Each structure stands twice: as structure tokens, then as C-alpha cells.
Amino acid sequence: MSQSGAAHANTIFPTRAQVSQECITAYNELKLSKKYKYIIYKLSDDNKEIVVEEASADKDYDNFREKLINAQTKSKSGAVGKGPRYAVYDFEYSLASGEGERNKITFLAWSPDDAGVMAKMVYASSKEALKRSLTGIATELQANDADDIEYDSILKTVSKGMAG
């Protein structure tokens, strides 16, 4: 491939973004000290780095869900539209058998069907780098529309049907 062909390929095929240290630090604070209930990650404006968009102790799942549904991304042309995100949520639940409480840290790849193709490609190509940086994730889910992130359906998946 010629040098100009290689440059052209980079504009068509997105490269993997690097994971910022703040992503790992926030995750460890969620996992180890329970400082946060969830973290929402996004790509920086230049698509070169994954950064923390929000880390929150808010236990209201509906607030978390709405933030994902309403996430926006700006394209290179400046157009604003629905945007993909990564998220980590610490699900807590009681076992139906009465055997106690459990919690599962869940990685969520949010890529709405109506997000831009390029945004989806960049997020898809960078997902593994973030997941590898976050040790101790129990479950991974891919979500493409609002129904995919309904609390009850996610809890059923996360708990393998054992939540009471």
C-alpha cells in the first residue's frame, strides 16, 4: 500500500483509542471503595482517548439509563446526534433463594441503532482496550436500543435469573 493509501485508510477505518488513567482510577474506586454506583465513559472529541464522562453514586437506575439514551456525539463535520458510550454499573440484588445479597459489576456497551456509523465503528474498535483495563467485570452486555437497558431484563441477565 502506498503512503497516501495508508493515510487514506486511516481516515476510513478508525483507530483504537487509548484508555486514560482516570478511567481505571474511577473504576477501582467503584469496585474497591464503592465510591460510585456507575461510570459512563466516552471517547474524547478527537477520538484518541477513552475518558470518564461521569462517575456517580446515584443509585437511581432510571437516571443512569436516561443518561445513556440521551448521550450525544459530535461528528467531524460538527453534526450532533445520538452517541455510543461505555458504562460500568454495580448491580446489587437479593437471591430469590434467600441466600443473601450479591453484586455484579457489569460492563455495558451502548451503541444505539440511530447513532452515526463512524461513531459506532470507533466505539466498537476501542471496546476491548477499555474492558482489558477494567479487571473484575462479571458480565458484559451489548445494548442497541432503550429496551435493551430496561432494569429488569438486565438484572435477569446479570443474576442469571437468580434475583428475587
N, C-alpha and C. Protein backbone atom coordinates (compact mmCIF):
# COMPACT_ATOMS: atom_id res chain seq x y z
N MET A 1 0.85 -1.18 0.00
CA MET A 1 0.00 0.00 0.00
C MET A 1 0.89 1.24 0.00
N SER A 2 0.57 2.17 -0.83
CA SER A 2 1.36 3.40 -0.90
C SER A 2 1.14 4.22 0.36
N GLN A 3 2.02 5.18 0.58
CA GLN A 3 1.89 6.02 1.75
C GLN A 3 0.59 6.80 1.74
N SER A 4 0.19 7.31 0.58
CA SER A 4 -1.07 8.05 0.51
C SER A 4 -2.24 7.10 0.74
N GLY A 5 -2.12 5.84 0.30
CA GLY A 5 -3.16 4.85 0.55
C GLY A 5 -3.30 4.56 2.03
N ALA A 6 -2.16 4.49 2.74
CA ALA A 6 -2.20 4.24 4.18
C ALA A 6 -2.86 5.41 4.90
N ALA A 7 -2.55 6.62 4.49
CA ALA A 7 -3.16 7.79 5.12
C ALA A 7 -4.66 7.78 4.86
N HIS A 8 -5.03 7.41 3.64
CA HIS A 8 -6.45 7.36 3.30
C HIS A 8 -7.17 6.29 4.13
N ALA A 9 -6.53 5.14 4.33
CA ALA A 9 -7.13 4.06 5.10
C ALA A 9 -7.42 4.50 6.53
N ASN A 10 -6.54 5.32 7.10
CA ASN A 10 -6.76 5.77 8.47
C ASN A 10 -7.95 6.70 8.59
N THR A 11 -8.32 7.38 7.52
CA THR A 11 -9.48 8.24 7.60
C THR A 11 -10.77 7.44 7.44
N ILE A 12 -10.68 6.27 6.82
CA ILE A 12 -11.86 5.44 6.64
C ILE A 12 -12.06 4.52 7.83
N PHE A 13 -10.98 3.86 8.26
CA PHE A 13 -11.08 2.90 9.34
C PHE A 13 -10.55 3.54 10.62
N PRO A 14 -11.39 3.67 11.62
CA PRO A 14 -10.96 4.32 12.85
C PRO A 14 -9.90 3.50 13.59
N THR A 15 -9.04 4.19 14.29
CA THR A 15 -8.03 3.50 15.08
C THR A 15 -8.54 3.35 16.50
N ARG A 16 -7.89 2.47 17.24
CA ARG A 16 -8.30 2.25 18.62
C ARG A 16 -7.88 3.43 19.49
N ALA A 17 -8.78 3.81 20.36
CA ALA A 17 -8.48 4.89 21.30
C ALA A 17 -7.71 4.31 22.49
N GLN A 18 -6.91 5.15 23.11
CA GLN A 18 -6.18 4.77 24.32
C GLN A 18 -7.09 4.97 25.53
N VAL A 19 -6.86 4.21 26.57
CA VAL A 19 -7.65 4.32 27.80
C VAL A 19 -6.92 5.28 28.74
N SER A 20 -7.60 6.34 29.16
CA SER A 20 -6.97 7.30 30.08
C SER A 20 -6.87 6.69 31.48
N GLN A 21 -5.91 7.16 32.24
CA GLN A 21 -5.72 6.66 33.60
C GLN A 21 -6.94 6.95 34.46
N GLU A 22 -7.65 8.05 34.20
CA GLU A 22 -8.83 8.39 35.01
C GLU A 22 -9.90 7.31 34.89
N CYS A 23 -9.96 6.61 33.76
CA CYS A 23 -10.94 5.52 33.58
C CYS A 23 -10.67 4.40 34.58
N ILE A 24 -9.40 4.04 34.71
CA ILE A 24 -9.01 2.95 35.59
C ILE A 24 -9.16 3.37 37.05
N THR A 25 -8.76 4.59 37.37
CA THR A 25 -8.88 5.09 38.74
C THR A 25 -10.33 5.11 39.19
N ALA A 26 -11.22 5.66 38.36
CA ALA A 26 -12.65 5.71 38.72
C ALA A 26 -13.22 4.31 38.89
N TYR A 27 -12.83 3.39 37.99
CA TYR A 27 -13.33 2.02 38.09
C TYR A 27 -12.88 1.37 39.40
N ASN A 28 -11.62 1.56 39.77
CA ASN A 28 -11.14 0.98 41.02
C ASN A 28 -11.85 1.58 42.22
N GLU A 29 -12.23 2.86 42.14
CA GLU A 29 -12.99 3.48 43.22
C GLU A 29 -14.41 2.89 43.29
N LEU A 30 -14.98 2.54 42.17
CA LEU A 30 -16.29 1.87 42.15
C LEU A 30 -16.15 0.46 42.74
N LYS A 31 -15.16 -0.26 42.27
CA LYS A 31 -15.01 -1.68 42.63
C LYS A 31 -14.54 -1.87 44.07
N LEU A 32 -13.54 -1.13 44.48
CA LEU A 32 -12.91 -1.38 45.77
C LEU A 32 -13.52 -0.58 46.92
N SER A 33 -13.80 0.69 46.70
CA SER A 33 -14.30 1.51 47.80
C SER A 33 -15.79 1.82 47.69
N LYS A 34 -16.42 1.34 46.61
CA LYS A 34 -17.86 1.56 46.39
C LYS A 34 -18.21 3.05 46.38
N LYS A 35 -17.27 3.87 45.93
CA LYS A 35 -17.48 5.31 45.87
C LYS A 35 -18.55 5.66 44.84
N TYR A 36 -18.63 4.87 43.77
CA TYR A 36 -19.58 5.13 42.69
C TYR A 36 -20.51 3.94 42.49
N LYS A 37 -21.68 4.22 41.96
CA LYS A 37 -22.63 3.18 41.55
C LYS A 37 -22.43 2.87 40.07
N TYR A 38 -22.08 3.90 39.31
CA TYR A 38 -21.84 3.69 37.88
C TYR A 38 -20.84 4.69 37.35
N ILE A 39 -20.28 4.34 36.19
CA ILE A 39 -19.37 5.22 35.46
C ILE A 39 -19.78 5.16 34.00
N ILE A 40 -19.87 6.31 33.37
CA ILE A 40 -20.13 6.38 31.94
C ILE A 40 -18.85 6.91 31.28
N TYR A 41 -18.39 6.17 30.29
CA TYR A 41 -17.17 6.52 29.56
C TYR A 41 -17.54 6.97 28.15
N LYS A 42 -16.73 7.86 27.61
CA LYS A 42 -16.93 8.29 26.23
C LYS A 42 -15.57 8.49 25.58
N LEU A 43 -15.59 8.66 24.28
CA LEU A 43 -14.37 8.99 23.56
C LEU A 43 -14.16 10.50 23.60
N SER A 44 -12.91 10.91 23.70
CA SER A 44 -12.59 12.33 23.65
C SER A 44 -13.01 12.89 22.29
N ASP A 45 -13.08 14.20 22.19
CA ASP A 45 -13.55 14.83 20.95
C ASP A 45 -12.71 14.45 19.74
N ASP A 46 -11.43 14.15 19.95
CA ASP A 46 -10.58 13.76 18.82
C ASP A 46 -10.55 12.23 18.60
N ASN A 47 -11.35 11.51 19.38
CA ASN A 47 -11.47 10.04 19.28
C ASN A 47 -10.17 9.29 19.58
N LYS A 48 -9.24 9.93 20.27
CA LYS A 48 -7.96 9.28 20.54
C LYS A 48 -7.86 8.68 21.93
N GLU A 49 -8.80 9.05 22.81
CA GLU A 49 -8.70 8.59 24.19
C GLU A 49 -10.09 8.32 24.76
N ILE A 50 -10.20 7.27 25.56
CA ILE A 50 -11.43 7.00 26.30
C ILE A 50 -11.30 7.72 27.63
N VAL A 51 -12.32 8.51 27.97
CA VAL A 51 -12.30 9.32 29.18
C VAL A 51 -13.58 9.08 29.98
N VAL A 52 -13.57 9.51 31.24
CA VAL A 52 -14.77 9.42 32.08
C VAL A 52 -15.67 10.59 31.74
N GLU A 53 -16.90 10.29 31.35
CA GLU A 53 -17.88 11.35 31.15
C GLU A 53 -18.55 11.69 32.47
N GLU A 54 -18.87 10.64 33.24
CA GLU A 54 -19.49 10.86 34.55
C GLU A 54 -19.27 9.64 35.43
N ALA A 55 -18.95 9.89 36.69
CA ALA A 55 -18.89 8.85 37.71
C ALA A 55 -19.85 9.31 38.80
N SER A 56 -20.79 8.45 39.18
CA SER A 56 -21.84 8.88 40.09
C SER A 56 -22.17 7.83 41.14
N ALA A 57 -22.56 8.30 42.31
CA ALA A 57 -23.02 7.42 43.39
C ALA A 57 -24.55 7.29 43.37
N ASP A 58 -25.21 7.95 42.42
CA ASP A 58 -26.67 7.92 42.30
C ASP A 58 -27.15 6.48 42.09
N LYS A 59 -28.01 5.99 42.99
CA LYS A 59 -28.49 4.61 42.91
C LYS A 59 -29.76 4.48 42.08
N ASP A 60 -30.25 5.56 41.52
CA ASP A 60 -31.47 5.51 40.71
C ASP A 60 -31.11 5.04 39.30
N TYR A 61 -31.43 3.78 39.01
CA TYR A 61 -31.07 3.19 37.71
C TYR A 61 -31.69 3.97 36.56
N ASP A 62 -32.89 4.48 36.73
CA ASP A 62 -33.55 5.22 35.64
C ASP A 62 -32.76 6.45 35.23
N ASN A 63 -32.13 7.13 36.19
CA ASN A 63 -31.28 8.28 35.86
C ASN A 63 -30.10 7.84 34.99
N PHE A 64 -29.47 6.74 35.38
CA PHE A 64 -28.35 6.18 34.61
C PHE A 64 -28.81 5.84 33.19
N ARG A 65 -29.92 5.15 33.09
CA ARG A 65 -30.46 4.71 31.79
C ARG A 65 -30.74 5.92 30.89
N GLU A 66 -31.35 6.95 31.45
CA GLU A 66 -31.67 8.15 30.66
C GLU A 66 -30.41 8.84 30.14
N LYS A 67 -29.36 8.82 30.95
CA LYS A 67 -28.10 9.45 30.50
C LYS A 67 -27.54 8.72 29.29
N LEU A 68 -27.64 7.39 29.28
CA LEU A 68 -27.18 6.64 28.12
C LEU A 68 -28.06 6.93 26.91
N ILE A 69 -29.36 6.87 27.09
CA ILE A 69 -30.30 7.08 25.98
C ILE A 69 -30.10 8.46 25.35
N ASN A 70 -29.80 9.46 26.18
CA ASN A 70 -29.68 10.84 25.69
C ASN A 70 -28.25 11.26 25.35
N ALA A 71 -27.31 10.33 25.42
CA ALA A 71 -25.91 10.66 25.12
C ALA A 71 -25.79 11.13 23.67
N GLN A 72 -24.95 12.15 23.49
CA GLN A 72 -24.76 12.70 22.15
C GLN A 72 -23.29 12.72 21.78
N THR A 73 -23.06 12.64 20.48
CA THR A 73 -21.71 12.67 19.93
C THR A 73 -21.69 13.68 18.80
N LYS A 74 -20.56 14.37 18.68
CA LYS A 74 -20.40 15.32 17.58
C LYS A 74 -19.49 14.70 16.52
N SER A 75 -19.94 14.72 15.28
CA SER A 75 -19.13 14.16 14.18
C SER A 75 -18.05 15.16 13.78
N LYS A 76 -17.14 14.72 12.92
CA LYS A 76 -16.07 15.61 12.44
C LYS A 76 -16.65 16.82 11.72
N SER A 77 -17.80 16.65 11.10
CA SER A 77 -18.43 17.76 10.38
C SER A 77 -19.14 18.72 11.33
N GLY A 78 -19.23 18.33 12.62
CA GLY A 78 -19.88 19.19 13.60
C GLY A 78 -21.32 18.82 13.88
N ALA A 79 -21.85 17.85 13.15
CA ALA A 79 -23.23 17.42 13.38
C ALA A 79 -23.34 16.69 14.72
N VAL A 80 -24.41 16.97 15.45
CA VAL A 80 -24.63 16.33 16.75
C VAL A 80 -25.75 15.31 16.59
N GLY A 81 -25.52 14.13 17.14
CA GLY A 81 -26.53 13.08 17.07
C GLY A 81 -26.37 12.11 18.23
N LYS A 82 -27.18 11.08 18.23
CA LYS A 82 -27.11 10.05 19.27
C LYS A 82 -25.71 9.46 19.30
N GLY A 83 -25.23 9.20 20.50
CA GLY A 83 -23.86 8.73 20.60
C GLY A 83 -23.70 7.47 21.41
N PRO A 84 -22.78 6.61 20.99
CA PRO A 84 -22.45 5.42 21.77
C PRO A 84 -21.72 5.80 23.06
N ARG A 85 -21.73 4.90 24.01
CA ARG A 85 -21.00 5.07 25.26
C ARG A 85 -20.61 3.69 25.78
N TYR A 86 -19.68 3.69 26.70
CA TYR A 86 -19.39 2.51 27.50
C TYR A 86 -19.83 2.88 28.91
N ALA A 87 -20.22 1.88 29.67
CA ALA A 87 -20.60 2.15 31.05
C ALA A 87 -20.28 0.93 31.91
N VAL A 88 -20.08 1.20 33.18
CA VAL A 88 -19.93 0.16 34.18
C VAL A 88 -20.97 0.46 35.25
N TYR A 89 -21.74 -0.56 35.63
CA TYR A 89 -22.78 -0.39 36.65
C TYR A 89 -22.63 -1.51 37.67
N ASP A 90 -22.68 -1.14 38.95
CA ASP A 90 -22.56 -2.12 40.03
C ASP A 90 -23.96 -2.56 40.45
N PHE A 91 -24.42 -3.67 39.88
CA PHE A 91 -25.76 -4.19 40.19
C PHE A 91 -25.73 -4.91 41.53
N GLU A 92 -26.70 -4.59 42.39
CA GLU A 92 -26.86 -5.28 43.66
C GLU A 92 -28.24 -5.92 43.66
N TYR A 93 -28.32 -7.14 44.16
CA TYR A 93 -29.61 -7.82 44.20
C TYR A 93 -29.61 -8.89 45.29
N SER A 94 -30.82 -9.28 45.69
CA SER A 94 -31.00 -10.36 46.66
C SER A 94 -31.32 -11.63 45.89
N LEU A 95 -30.78 -12.73 46.35
CA LEU A 95 -31.08 -14.02 45.72
C LEU A 95 -32.50 -14.45 46.09
N ALA A 96 -33.23 -14.98 45.12
CA ALA A 96 -34.60 -15.44 45.35
C ALA A 96 -34.63 -16.55 46.40
N SER A 97 -33.56 -17.30 46.50
CA SER A 97 -33.49 -18.42 47.46
C SER A 97 -33.34 -17.94 48.90
N GLY A 98 -33.13 -16.62 49.09
CA GLY A 98 -32.95 -16.08 50.43
C GLY A 98 -31.53 -16.25 50.94
N GLU A 99 -30.61 -16.62 50.06
CA GLU A 99 -29.22 -16.87 50.47
C GLU A 99 -28.37 -15.62 50.58
N GLY A 100 -29.00 -14.45 50.51
CA GLY A 100 -28.24 -13.23 50.73
C GLY A 100 -28.16 -12.30 49.54
N GLU A 101 -27.31 -11.29 49.72
CA GLU A 101 -27.13 -10.24 48.72
C GLU A 101 -25.95 -10.57 47.81
N ARG A 102 -26.04 -10.09 46.58
CA ARG A 102 -24.95 -10.25 45.63
C ARG A 102 -24.75 -8.93 44.90
N ASN A 103 -23.57 -8.74 44.38
CA ASN A 103 -23.38 -7.61 43.46
C ASN A 103 -22.51 -8.08 42.31
N LYS A 104 -22.80 -7.54 41.13
CA LYS A 104 -22.07 -7.89 39.91
C LYS A 104 -21.75 -6.61 39.17
N ILE A 105 -20.48 -6.41 38.91
CA ILE A 105 -20.07 -5.25 38.13
C ILE A 105 -20.26 -5.62 36.66
N THR A 106 -21.05 -4.81 35.98
CA THR A 106 -21.45 -5.10 34.61
C THR A 106 -20.91 -4.05 33.66
N PHE A 107 -20.31 -4.50 32.57
CA PHE A 107 -19.82 -3.61 31.51
C PHE A 107 -20.90 -3.54 30.45
N LEU A 108 -21.28 -2.33 30.09
CA LEU A 108 -22.33 -2.12 29.10
C LEU A 108 -21.77 -1.35 27.92
N ALA A 109 -21.90 -1.93 26.74
CA ALA A 109 -21.51 -1.24 25.51
C ALA A 109 -22.80 -0.72 24.87
N TRP A 110 -23.02 0.58 24.97
CA TRP A 110 -24.23 1.22 24.46
C TRP A 110 -23.94 1.79 23.08
N SER A 111 -24.62 1.27 22.07
CA SER A 111 -24.42 1.72 20.70
C SER A 111 -25.79 1.79 20.03
N PRO A 112 -26.50 2.91 20.23
CA PRO A 112 -27.88 2.99 19.72
C PRO A 112 -27.94 2.82 18.21
N ASP A 113 -29.00 2.17 17.76
CA ASP A 113 -29.18 1.91 16.34
C ASP A 113 -29.12 3.18 15.50
N ASP A 114 -29.57 4.31 16.08
CA ASP A 114 -29.61 5.55 15.31
C ASP A 114 -28.37 6.43 15.49
N ALA A 115 -27.31 5.87 16.07
CA ALA A 115 -26.04 6.61 16.15
C ALA A 115 -25.35 6.56 14.79
N GLY A 116 -24.45 7.50 14.56
CA GLY A 116 -23.72 7.55 13.30
C GLY A 116 -22.83 6.33 13.10
N VAL A 117 -22.67 5.93 11.86
CA VAL A 117 -21.88 4.74 11.53
C VAL A 117 -20.44 4.89 12.00
N MET A 118 -19.83 6.03 11.76
CA MET A 118 -18.43 6.24 12.14
C MET A 118 -18.28 6.17 13.66
N ALA A 119 -19.19 6.80 14.39
CA ALA A 119 -19.13 6.75 15.86
C ALA A 119 -19.22 5.31 16.35
N LYS A 120 -20.11 4.53 15.77
CA LYS A 120 -20.25 3.13 16.17
C LYS A 120 -18.97 2.35 15.87
N MET A 121 -18.35 2.63 14.73
CA MET A 121 -17.11 1.92 14.37
C MET A 121 -15.99 2.24 15.35
N VAL A 122 -15.84 3.50 15.71
CA VAL A 122 -14.77 3.89 16.63
C VAL A 122 -15.00 3.24 17.99
N TYR A 123 -16.24 3.28 18.47
CA TYR A 123 -16.53 2.67 19.77
C TYR A 123 -16.31 1.16 19.73
N ALA A 124 -16.73 0.51 18.65
CA ALA A 124 -16.55 -0.95 18.54
C ALA A 124 -15.07 -1.32 18.53
N SER A 125 -14.26 -0.52 17.85
CA SER A 125 -12.83 -0.85 17.74
C SER A 125 -12.06 -0.57 19.03
N SER A 126 -12.62 0.22 19.93
CA SER A 126 -11.91 0.60 21.16
C SER A 126 -12.42 -0.14 22.40
N LYS A 127 -13.50 -0.86 22.28
CA LYS A 127 -14.15 -1.51 23.43
C LYS A 127 -13.21 -2.47 24.17
N GLU A 128 -12.52 -3.31 23.44
CA GLU A 128 -11.67 -4.32 24.09
C GLU A 128 -10.56 -3.69 24.92
N ALA A 129 -10.01 -2.58 24.45
CA ALA A 129 -8.93 -1.91 25.20
C ALA A 129 -9.45 -1.47 26.57
N LEU A 130 -10.66 -0.92 26.61
CA LEU A 130 -11.23 -0.49 27.89
C LEU A 130 -11.53 -1.70 28.77
N LYS A 131 -12.17 -2.70 28.22
CA LYS A 131 -12.50 -3.89 29.01
C LYS A 131 -11.26 -4.54 29.62
N ARG A 132 -10.18 -4.62 28.86
CA ARG A 132 -8.94 -5.21 29.37
C ARG A 132 -8.37 -4.40 30.53
N SER A 133 -8.64 -3.11 30.56
CA SER A 133 -8.11 -2.23 31.60
C SER A 133 -8.91 -2.31 32.90
N LEU A 134 -10.11 -2.87 32.83
CA LEU A 134 -11.02 -2.90 33.98
C LEU A 134 -11.14 -4.34 34.48
N THR A 135 -10.33 -4.71 35.45
CA THR A 135 -10.34 -6.09 35.93
C THR A 135 -11.48 -6.32 36.92
N GLY A 136 -12.09 -7.49 36.82
CA GLY A 136 -13.15 -7.85 37.76
C GLY A 136 -14.56 -7.64 37.26
N ILE A 137 -14.72 -7.44 35.96
CA ILE A 137 -16.07 -7.29 35.40
C ILE A 137 -16.72 -8.66 35.33
N ALA A 138 -17.95 -8.77 35.87
CA ALA A 138 -18.64 -10.06 35.93
C ALA A 138 -19.42 -10.36 34.66
N THR A 139 -20.00 -9.33 34.07
CA THR A 139 -20.90 -9.52 32.93
C THR A 139 -20.66 -8.41 31.92
N GLU A 140 -20.80 -8.76 30.64
CA GLU A 140 -20.73 -7.76 29.57
C GLU A 140 -22.02 -7.82 28.77
N LEU A 141 -22.58 -6.66 28.49
CA LEU A 141 -23.81 -6.58 27.70
C LEU A 141 -23.64 -5.59 26.57
N GLN A 142 -24.19 -5.93 25.42
CA GLN A 142 -24.26 -5.02 24.27
C GLN A 142 -25.70 -4.53 24.20
N ALA A 143 -25.90 -3.23 24.11
CA ALA A 143 -27.25 -2.66 24.06
C ALA A 143 -27.36 -1.70 22.88
N ASN A 144 -28.45 -1.83 22.12
CA ASN A 144 -28.63 -1.01 20.92
C ASN A 144 -29.90 -0.18 20.92
N ASP A 145 -30.80 -0.44 21.85
CA ASP A 145 -31.98 0.42 21.97
C ASP A 145 -32.43 0.45 23.42
N ALA A 146 -33.36 1.36 23.72
CA ALA A 146 -33.78 1.60 25.10
C ALA A 146 -34.29 0.33 25.78
N ASP A 147 -34.96 -0.54 25.04
CA ASP A 147 -35.47 -1.78 25.63
C ASP A 147 -34.34 -2.68 26.13
N ASP A 148 -33.19 -2.61 25.48
CA ASP A 148 -32.05 -3.45 25.87
C ASP A 148 -31.50 -3.07 27.25
N ILE A 149 -31.81 -1.87 27.72
CA ILE A 149 -31.27 -1.44 29.01
C ILE A 149 -32.36 -1.22 30.05
N GLU A 150 -33.48 -1.94 29.90
CA GLU A 150 -34.50 -1.96 30.95
C GLU A 150 -33.91 -2.67 32.17
N TYR A 151 -34.15 -2.13 33.35
CA TYR A 151 -33.55 -2.67 34.57
C TYR A 151 -33.85 -4.15 34.76
N ASP A 152 -35.12 -4.53 34.64
CA ASP A 152 -35.50 -5.91 34.92
C ASP A 152 -34.82 -6.91 33.98
N SER A 153 -34.72 -6.56 32.70
CA SER A 153 -34.09 -7.51 31.77
C SER A 153 -32.59 -7.62 32.02
N ILE A 154 -31.95 -6.51 32.35
CA ILE A 154 -30.51 -6.56 32.65
C ILE A 154 -30.28 -7.33 33.95
N LEU A 155 -31.10 -7.07 34.96
CA LEU A 155 -30.94 -7.78 36.24
C LEU A 155 -31.10 -9.28 36.04
N LYS A 156 -32.04 -9.68 35.20
CA LYS A 156 -32.25 -11.11 34.93
C LYS A 156 -30.99 -11.72 34.30
N THR A 157 -30.37 -10.99 33.37
CA THR A 157 -29.15 -11.47 32.73
C THR A 157 -27.99 -11.50 33.72
N VAL A 158 -27.81 -10.41 34.45
CA VAL A 158 -26.69 -10.28 35.39
C VAL A 158 -26.77 -11.34 36.49
N SER A 159 -27.98 -11.58 37.00
CA SER A 159 -28.16 -12.53 38.11
C SER A 159 -28.37 -13.96 37.63
N LYS A 160 -28.39 -14.15 36.30
CA LYS A 160 -28.68 -15.46 35.70
C LYS A 160 -30.01 -16.00 36.20
N GLY A 161 -30.98 -15.07 36.37
CA GLY A 161 -32.33 -15.45 36.79
C GLY A 161 -32.46 -15.76 38.27
N MET A 162 -31.43 -15.48 39.07
CA MET A 162 -31.44 -15.84 40.49
C MET A 162 -31.91 -14.72 41.41
N ALA A 163 -32.14 -13.51 40.86
CA ALA A 163 -32.56 -12.38 41.70
C ALA A 163 -34.00 -12.59 42.16
N GLY A 164 -34.26 -12.15 43.39
CA GLY A 164 -35.60 -12.34 43.95
C GLY A 164 -36.44 -11.12 43.92
